[in-house]
Every structure is written in C-alpha cells, then in structure tokens.
PDB file of N, CA and C in Angstrom:
ATOM      1  N   MET A   1      -3.209   3.236  14.900  1.00  0.00           N
ATOM      2  CA  MET A   1      -4.511   2.575  14.677  1.00  0.00           C
ATOM      3  C   MET A   1      -5.262   1.222  14.378  1.00  0.00           C
ATOM      4  N   LYS A   2      -6.081   0.588  15.606  1.00  0.00           N
ATOM      5  CA  LYS A   2      -6.244  -0.292  15.133  1.00  0.00           C
ATOM      6  C   LYS A   2      -7.186  -1.090  14.006  1.00  0.00           C
ATOM      7  N   ILE A   3      -6.752  -1.753  13.274  1.00  0.00           N
ATOM      8  CA  ILE A   3      -7.969  -2.124  12.272  1.00  0.00           C
ATOM      9  C   ILE A   3      -7.725  -3.393  11.540  1.00  0.00           C
ATOM     10  N   THR A   4      -8.493  -3.793  11.199  1.00  0.00           N
ATOM     11  CA  THR A   4      -8.319  -5.119  10.912  1.00  0.00           C
ATOM     12  C   THR A   4      -8.276  -5.695   9.610  1.00  0.00           C
ATOM     13  N   LEU A   5      -7.336  -6.084   8.086  1.00  0.00           N
ATOM     14  CA  LEU A   5      -7.686  -5.884   6.653  1.00  0.00           C
ATOM     15  C   LEU A   5      -8.891  -6.150   6.765  1.00  0.00           C
ATOM     16  N   TYR A   6      -9.748  -6.750   7.524  1.00  0.00           N
ATOM     17  CA  TYR A   6     -11.180  -7.137   6.788  1.00  0.00           C
ATOM     18  C   TYR A   6     -12.331  -5.745   6.598  1.00  0.00           C
ATOM     19  N   GLU A   7     -11.777  -4.762   7.939  1.00  0.00           N
ATOM     20  CA  GLU A   7     -12.497  -3.778   7.961  1.00  0.00           C
ATOM     21  C   GLU A   7     -11.879  -2.675   7.026  1.00  0.00           C
ATOM     22  N   PHE A   8     -10.586  -2.887   7.138  1.00  0.00           N
ATOM     23  CA  PHE A   8      -9.836  -1.909   5.727  1.00  0.00           C
ATOM     24  C   PHE A   8     -10.675  -1.599   4.429  1.00  0.00           C
ATOM     25  N   LEU A   9     -11.285  -3.289   4.063  1.00  0.00           N
ATOM     26  CA  LEU A   9     -11.512  -3.492   2.698  1.00  0.00           C
ATOM     27  C   LEU A   9     -12.935  -3.076   2.816  1.00  0.00           C
ATOM     28  N   ALA A  10     -13.575  -2.983   3.953  1.00  0.00           N
ATOM     29  CA  ALA A  10     -15.335  -2.436   3.872  1.00  0.00           C
ATOM     30  C   ALA A  10     -14.902  -1.043   3.468  1.00  0.00           C
ATOM     31  N   LEU A  11     -13.711  -0.540   4.133  1.00  0.00           N
ATOM     32  CA  LEU A  11     -14.012   0.951   3.870  1.00  0.00           C
ATOM     33  C   LEU A  11     -13.665   1.799   2.255  1.00  0.00           C
ATOM     34  N   PRO A  12     -14.760   2.700   2.006  1.00  0.00           N
ATOM     35  CA  PRO A  12     -14.453   3.157   0.656  1.00  0.00           C
ATOM     36  C   PRO A  12     -13.221   3.714  -0.081  1.00  0.00           C
ATOM     37  N   ASP A  13     -13.034   3.257  -1.214  1.00  0.00           N
ATOM     38  CA  ASP A  13     -12.091   4.104  -1.391  1.00  0.00           C
ATOM     39  C   ASP A  13     -10.662   5.338  -0.829  1.00  0.00           C
ATOM     40  N   GLN A  14     -11.494   6.313  -0.490  1.00  0.00           N
ATOM     41  CA  GLN A  14     -11.203   7.551  -0.038  1.00  0.00           C
ATOM     42  C   GLN A  14     -10.777   7.250   1.848  1.00  0.00           C
ATOM     43  N   GLY A  15     -11.601   6.224   2.269  1.00  0.00           N
ATOM     44  CA  GLY A  15     -11.621   5.883   3.865  1.00  0.00           C
ATOM     45  C   GLY A  15     -10.009   4.934   3.516  1.00  0.00           C
ATOM     46  N   GLN A  16     -10.094   4.309   2.905  1.00  0.00           N
ATOM     47  CA  GLN A  16      -8.763   3.135   3.136  1.00  0.00           C
ATOM     48  C   GLN A  16      -7.614   4.193   2.761  1.00  0.00           C
ATOM     49  N   TYR A  17      -7.530   5.150   2.041  1.00  0.00           N
ATOM     50  CA  TYR A  17      -6.410   6.315   1.721  1.00  0.00           C
ATOM     51  C   TYR A  17      -5.949   7.296   2.921  1.00  0.00           C
ATOM     52  N   ASP A  18      -7.336   7.727   3.190  1.00  0.00           N
ATOM     53  CA  ASP A  18      -7.074   8.059   5.080  1.00  0.00           C
ATOM     54  C   ASP A  18      -6.576   7.209   5.870  1.00  0.00           C
ATOM     55  N   VAL A  19      -6.577   6.267   5.675  1.00  0.00           N
ATOM     56  CA  VAL A  19      -6.279   4.892   6.678  1.00  0.00           C
ATOM     57  C   VAL A  19      -4.266   4.803   6.473  1.00  0.00           C
ATOM     58  N   VAL A  20      -4.468   4.761   5.535  1.00  0.00           N
ATOM     59  CA  VAL A  20      -2.530   4.423   4.679  1.00  0.00           C
ATOM     60  C   VAL A  20      -1.982   6.024   4.852  1.00  0.00           C
ATOM     61  N   PHE A  21      -2.692   7.137   4.920  1.00  0.00           N
ATOM     62  CA  PHE A  21      -1.555   8.336   4.415  1.00  0.00           C
ATOM     63  C   PHE A  21      -1.465   8.790   5.684  1.00  0.00           C
ATOM     64  N   SER A  22      -2.682   9.063   7.232  1.00  0.00           N
ATOM     65  CA  SER A  22      -2.147   9.067   8.172  1.00  0.00           C
ATOM     66  C   SER A  22      -2.358   8.435   9.063  1.00  0.00           C
ATOM     67  N   SER A  23      -1.957   6.682   9.285  1.00  0.00           N
ATOM     68  CA  SER A  23      -1.832   5.475  10.428  1.00  0.00           C
ATOM     69  C   SER A  23      -0.667   5.108   9.383  1.00  0.00           C
ATOM     70  N   GLY A  24      -0.770   4.894   8.431  1.00  0.00           N
ATOM     71  CA  GLY A  24       0.202   3.549   7.824  1.00  0.00           C
ATOM     72  C   GLY A  24       2.101   4.022   8.011  1.00  0.00           C
ATOM     73  N   ASP A  25       2.388   3.175   7.873  1.00  0.00           N
ATOM     74  CA  ASP A  25       4.370   3.271   8.389  1.00  0.00           C
ATOM     75  C   ASP A  25       5.111   2.997   7.199  1.00  0.00           C
ATOM     76  N   TYR A  26       5.660   4.467   6.563  1.00  0.00           N
ATOM     77  CA  TYR A  26       6.478   4.156   4.794  1.00  0.00           C
ATOM     78  C   TYR A  26       7.412   3.033   5.533  1.00  0.00           C
ATOM     79  N   LEU A  27       6.965   1.934   4.790  1.00  0.00           N
ATOM     80  CA  LEU A  27       8.663   1.182   5.002  1.00  0.00           C
ATOM     81  C   LEU A  27       8.810   0.874   3.859  1.00  0.00           C
ATOM     82  N   ASP A  28       8.382   1.188   2.503  1.00  0.00           N
ATOM     83  CA  ASP A  28       9.872   0.602   1.324  1.00  0.00           C
ATOM     84  C   ASP A  28       9.487   1.204  -0.303  1.00  0.00           C
ATOM     85  N   ILE A  29      10.097   1.358  -0.595  1.00  0.00           N
ATOM     86  CA  ILE A  29       9.348   1.741  -2.431  1.00  0.00           C
ATOM     87  C   ILE A  29      10.497   1.248  -3.217  1.00  0.00           C
ATOM     88  N   ARG A  30       9.485   0.950  -4.477  1.00  0.00           N
ATOM     89  CA  ARG A  30      10.333  -0.245  -5.514  1.00  0.00           C
ATOM     90  C   ARG A  30       9.813   1.096  -7.126  1.00  0.00           C
ATOM     91  N   ILE A  31      10.984   1.034  -7.575  1.00  0.00           N
ATOM     92  CA  ILE A  31      10.497   1.664  -8.850  1.00  0.00           C
ATOM     93  C   ILE A  31      10.677   0.550 -10.379  1.00  0.00           C
ATOM     94  N   GLU A  32       9.786   0.907 -11.049  1.00  0.00           N
ATOM     95  CA  GLU A  32       9.407  -0.110 -12.398  1.00  0.00           C
ATOM     96  C   GLU A  32       8.615   0.328 -12.887  1.00  0.00           C
ATOM     97  N   GLU A  33      10.133   0.796 -14.105  1.00  0.00           N
ATOM     98  CA  GLU A  33       9.484   1.877 -15.396  1.00  0.00           C
ATOM     99  C   GLU A  33       8.781   2.877 -15.209  1.00  0.00           C
ATOM    100  N   SER A  34       8.005   3.167 -15.607  1.00  0.00           N
ATOM    101  CA  SER A  34       7.027   4.583 -14.923  1.00  0.00           C
ATOM    102  C   SER A  34       6.494   4.811 -13.710  1.00  0.00           C
ATOM    103  N   ARG A  35       6.515   3.382 -13.125  1.00  0.00           N
ATOM    104  CA  ARG A  35       5.257   3.679 -11.931  1.00  0.00           C
ATOM    105  C   ARG A  35       6.216   3.142 -10.759  1.00  0.00           C
ATOM    106  N   ARG A  36       5.592   3.672  -9.821  1.00  0.00           N
ATOM    107  CA  ARG A  36       6.459   3.704  -8.517  1.00  0.00           C
ATOM    108  C   ARG A  36       5.107   3.114  -6.991  1.00  0.00           C
ATOM    109  N   TYR A  37       6.123   1.776  -6.367  1.00  0.00           N
ATOM    110  CA  TYR A  37       5.718   1.511  -5.613  1.00  0.00           C
ATOM    111  C   TYR A  37       5.672   1.610  -4.139  1.00  0.00           C
ATOM    112  N   VAL A  38       4.721   2.095  -3.707  1.00  0.00           N
ATOM    113  CA  VAL A  38       5.236   2.358  -1.769  1.00  0.00           C
ATOM    114  C   VAL A  38       4.633   1.372  -0.908  1.00  0.00           C
ATOM    115  N   LEU A  39       5.395   1.034   0.082  1.00  0.00           N
ATOM    116  CA  LEU A  39       4.535  -0.184   0.827  1.00  0.00           C
ATOM    117  C   LEU A  39       4.149   0.704   2.146  1.00  0.00           C
ATOM    118  N   TYR A  40       3.926   0.568   2.800  1.00  0.00           N
ATOM    119  CA  TYR A  40       2.992   0.517   3.777  1.00  0.00           C
ATOM    120  C   TYR A  40       2.535   0.101   4.845  1.00  0.00           C
ATOM    121  N   ALA A  41       2.761  -0.618   6.167  1.00  0.00           N
ATOM    122  CA  ALA A  41       2.211  -1.404   7.470  1.00  0.00           C
ATOM    123  C   ALA A  41       1.503  -0.496   8.049  1.00  0.00           C
ATOM    124  N   VAL A  42       0.328  -1.414   8.113  1.00  0.00           N
ATOM    125  CA  VAL A  42      -0.978  -0.514   8.818  1.00  0.00           C
ATOM    126  C   VAL A  42      -1.701  -1.319   9.769  1.00  0.00           C
ATOM    127  N   ASP A  43      -1.295  -1.548  10.923  1.00  0.00           N
ATOM    128  CA  ASP A  43      -1.518  -2.288  11.888  1.00  0.00           C
ATOM    129  C   ASP A  43      -1.045  -3.785  11.714  1.00  0.00           C
ATOM    130  N   ARG A  44      -1.531  -4.602  10.901  1.00  0.00           N
ATOM    131  CA  ARG A  44      -1.107  -6.538  11.241  1.00  0.00           C
ATOM    132  C   ARG A  44      -1.060  -6.459   9.486  1.00  0.00           C
ATOM    133  N   PHE A  45      -1.491  -5.853   8.832  1.00  0.00           N
ATOM    134  CA  PHE A  45      -1.417  -5.932   7.097  1.00  0.00           C
ATOM    135  C   PHE A  45      -0.081  -4.629   6.553  1.00  0.00           C
ATOM    136  N   PHE A  46      -0.223  -5.097   4.994  1.00  0.00           N
ATOM    137  CA  PHE A  46       0.572  -3.946   4.708  1.00  0.00           C
ATOM    138  C   PHE A  46      -0.561  -3.649   2.810  1.00  0.00           C
ATOM    139  N   VAL A  47      -0.152  -2.192   2.597  1.00  0.00           N
ATOM    140  CA  VAL A  47      -0.641  -1.966   1.603  1.00  0.00           C
ATOM    141  C   VAL A  47       0.407  -1.238   0.986  1.00  0.00           C
ATOM    142  N   GLU A  48       0.341  -1.521  -0.675  1.00  0.00           N
ATOM    143  CA  GLU A  48       1.006  -0.827  -1.844  1.00  0.00           C
ATOM    144  C   GLU A  48       0.311  -0.436  -2.445  1.00  0.00           C
ATOM    145  N   VAL A  49       0.783   1.055  -2.698  1.00  0.00           N
ATOM    146  CA  VAL A  49       0.188   2.519  -3.425  1.00  0.00           C
ATOM    147  C   VAL A  49       1.427   2.185  -4.651  1.00  0.00           C
ATOM    148  N   GLU A  50      -0.224   2.601  -5.376  1.00  0.00           N
ATOM    149  CA  GLU A  50       0.603   2.384  -6.756  1.00  0.00           C
ATOM    150  C   GLU A  50       0.838   3.848  -7.459  1.00  0.00           C
ATOM    151  N   TYR A  51       1.967   4.332  -8.047  1.00  0.00           N
ATOM    152  CA  TYR A  51       1.546   6.018  -8.286  1.00  0.00           C
ATOM    153  C   TYR A  51       2.430   6.281  -9.772  1.00  0.00           C
ATOM    154  N   ASP A  52       1.557   6.849 -10.840  1.00  0.00           N
ATOM    155  CA  ASP A  52       2.093   6.951 -12.082  1.00  0.00           C
ATOM    156  C   ASP A  52       3.330   7.733 -12.132  1.00  0.00           C
ATOM    157  N   ASN A  53       4.459   8.092 -12.565  1.00  0.00           N
ATOM    158  CA  ASN A  53       5.372   8.744 -12.473  1.00  0.00           C
ATOM    159  C   ASN A  53       5.250  10.008 -13.332  1.00  0.00           C
ATOM    160  N   ASP A  54       5.212   9.324 -14.342  1.00  0.00           N
ATOM    161  CA  ASP A  54       4.827  10.411 -15.471  1.00  0.00           C
ATOM    162  C   ASP A  54       3.683  11.685 -15.380  1.00  0.00           C
ATOM    163  N   LYS A  55       2.369  11.089 -14.479  1.00  0.00           N
ATOM    164  CA  LYS A  55       1.492  11.671 -14.495  1.00  0.00           C
ATOM    165  C   LYS A  55       1.630  12.495 -12.958  1.00  0.00           C
ATOM    166  N   ASN A  56       2.353  11.718 -12.317  1.00  0.00           N
ATOM    167  CA  ASN A  56       2.347  12.512 -10.841  1.00  0.00           C
ATOM    168  C   ASN A  56       0.905  11.778 -10.062  1.00  0.00           C
ATOM    169  N   LYS A  57       0.142  10.527 -10.389  1.00  0.00           N
ATOM    170  CA  LYS A  57      -0.910  10.398  -9.844  1.00  0.00           C
ATOM    171  C   LYS A  57      -0.904   9.358  -9.341  1.00  0.00           C
ATOM    172  N   ILE A  58      -2.255   8.756  -8.077  1.00  0.00           N
ATOM    173  CA  ILE A  58      -2.019   7.690  -7.507  1.00  0.00           C
ATOM    174  C   ILE A  58      -2.845   6.146  -8.900  1.00  0.00           C
ATOM    175  N   LYS A  59      -2.349   5.189  -9.059  1.00  0.00           N
ATOM    176  CA  LYS A  59      -3.080   4.666  -9.817  1.00  0.00           C
ATOM    177  C   LYS A  59      -4.068   3.460  -9.180  1.00  0.00           C
ATOM    178  N   GLY A  60      -3.380   3.445  -8.259  1.00  0.00           N
ATOM    179  CA  GLY A  60      -4.352   2.238  -7.358  1.00  0.00           C
ATOM    180  C   GLY A  60      -3.544   1.434  -5.906  1.00  0.00           C
ATOM    181  N   LYS A  61      -4.173   0.713  -5.173  1.00  0.00           N
ATOM    182  CA  LYS A  61      -3.642   0.322  -4.060  1.00  0.00           C
ATOM    183  C   LYS A  61      -3.708  -1.145  -4.136  1.00  0.00           C
ATOM    184  N   ARG A  62      -3.454  -1.796  -3.271  1.00  0.00           N
ATOM    185  CA  ARG A  62      -3.504  -3.148  -3.078  1.00  0.00           C
ATOM    186  C   ARG A  62      -3.279  -3.453  -1.214  1.00  0.00           C
ATOM    187  N   ALA A  63      -4.369  -4.777  -0.944  1.00  0.00           N
ATOM    188  CA  ALA A  63      -3.844  -4.752   0.846  1.00  0.00           C
ATOM    189  C   ALA A  63      -3.916  -5.620   0.693  1.00  0.00           C
ATOM    190  N   PHE A  64      -2.644  -6.920   1.638  1.00  0.00           N
ATOM    191  CA  PHE A  64      -2.509  -7.979   1.563  1.00  0.00           C
ATOM    192  C   PHE A  64      -1.491  -7.824   3.046  1.00  0.00           C
ATOM    193  N   VAL A  65      -1.828  -9.771   3.298  1.00  0.00           N
ATOM    194  CA  VAL A  65      -0.731 -10.115   4.507  1.00  0.00           C
ATOM    195  C   VAL A  65       0.830 -10.057   4.267  1.00  0.00           C
ATOM    196  N   GLN A  66       0.614 -11.347   3.764  1.00  0.00           N
ATOM    197  CA  GLN A  66       1.912 -12.122   2.984  1.00  0.00           C
ATOM    198  C   GLN A  66       1.783 -12.696   1.458  1.00  0.00           C
ATOM    199  N   GLY A  67       2.791 -12.249   0.930  1.00  0.00           N
ATOM    200  CA  GLY A  67       2.811 -13.822  -0.405  1.00  0.00           C
ATOM    201  C   GLY A  67       3.653 -13.004  -1.391  1.00  0.00           C
ATOM    202  N   GLU A  68       3.654 -13.233  -2.085  1.00  0.00           N
ATOM    203  CA  GLU A  68       4.914 -12.458  -3.214  1.00  0.00           C
ATOM    204  C   GLU A  68       4.608 -11.156  -3.859  1.00  0.00           C
ATOM    205  N   LEU A  69       3.094  -9.712  -2.937  1.00  0.00           N
ATOM    206  CA  LEU A  69       4.045  -9.214  -3.360  1.00  0.00           C
ATOM    207  C   LEU A  69       4.617  -8.411  -2.150  1.00  0.00           C
ATOM    208  N   LEU A  70       4.565  -9.235  -0.917  1.00  0.00           N
ATOM    209  CA  LEU A  70       5.906  -8.880   0.009  1.00  0.00           C
ATOM    210  C   LEU A  70       7.145  -8.883  -0.264  1.00  0.00           C
ATOM    211  N   ASP A  71       7.456 -10.331  -1.266  1.00  0.00           N
ATOM    212  CA  ASP A  71       8.220 -10.868  -1.702  1.00  0.00           C
ATOM    213  C   ASP A  71       9.063 -10.024  -2.430  1.00  0.00           C
ATOM    214  N   LYS A  72       8.829  -8.956  -3.537  1.00  0.00           N
ATOM    215  CA  LYS A  72       9.219  -8.056  -4.502  1.00  0.00           C
ATOM    216  C   LYS A  72       9.670  -6.941  -3.486  1.00  0.00           C
ATOM    217  N   TYR A  73       9.683  -6.978  -2.024  1.00  0.00           N
ATOM    218  CA  TYR A  73      10.259  -6.162  -1.063  1.00  0.00           C
ATOM    219  C   TYR A  73      10.987  -6.622  -0.304  1.00  0.00           C
ATOM    220  N   THR A  74      11.048  -8.035  -0.378  1.00  0.00           N
ATOM    221  CA  THR A  74      12.266  -8.479   0.594  1.00  0.00           C
ATOM    222  C   THR A  74      13.474  -9.727  -0.017  1.00  0.00           C
ATOM    223  N   GLY A  75      13.384  -9.351  -1.995  1.00  0.00           N
ATOM    224  CA  GLY A  75      14.580  -9.491  -2.345  1.00  0.00           C
ATOM    225  C   GLY A  75      14.437 -10.705  -2.359  1.00  0.00           C
ATOM    226  N   ILE A  76      13.204 -11.725  -2.027  1.00  0.00           N
ATOM    227  CA  ILE A  76      13.042 -13.169  -1.956  1.00  0.00           C
ATOM    228  C   ILE A  76      13.069 -13.569  -3.241  1.00  0.00           C
TER     229      ILE A  76
END
C-alpha cells in the first residue's frame, strides 16, 4: 500500500490500525516490564504499536520516520 506518513496521520485511529495490521510488515518486538512494543514498516515510515501485556490490550501507537524510537530497535 502506498501511503505517506501525513496521509496516515490524517486517518482516524481505526483507519490507522487497519493500515498497520493489513499492510504493515512486522519488523521487531521489544518487551519492557508489562509493555510490549511491536514495530511495523508501512511504505516509507514505521509504526510502533504498544500493548499492555497484563490486559492483552492495545495501549497506543506512534508513527515516525527515524530517530530515537527507531534506535531502540537497532541497538544504537
């Protein structure tokens, strides 16, 4: 799916989740305490989805192109 970061951010929350889960490519996972963070690639940007392990629920998401959030997955 071809979508820019700005087009993605303009979608309502449910539309953003639909894009991530239907078109995003799973890249990696990190676990910190009771939180799980899953990284997806969507076209030319990334989306990190945060889950609450104890409640098994999605807590939120963050979309980005580069920077500190991506560095957490590369070990830099």
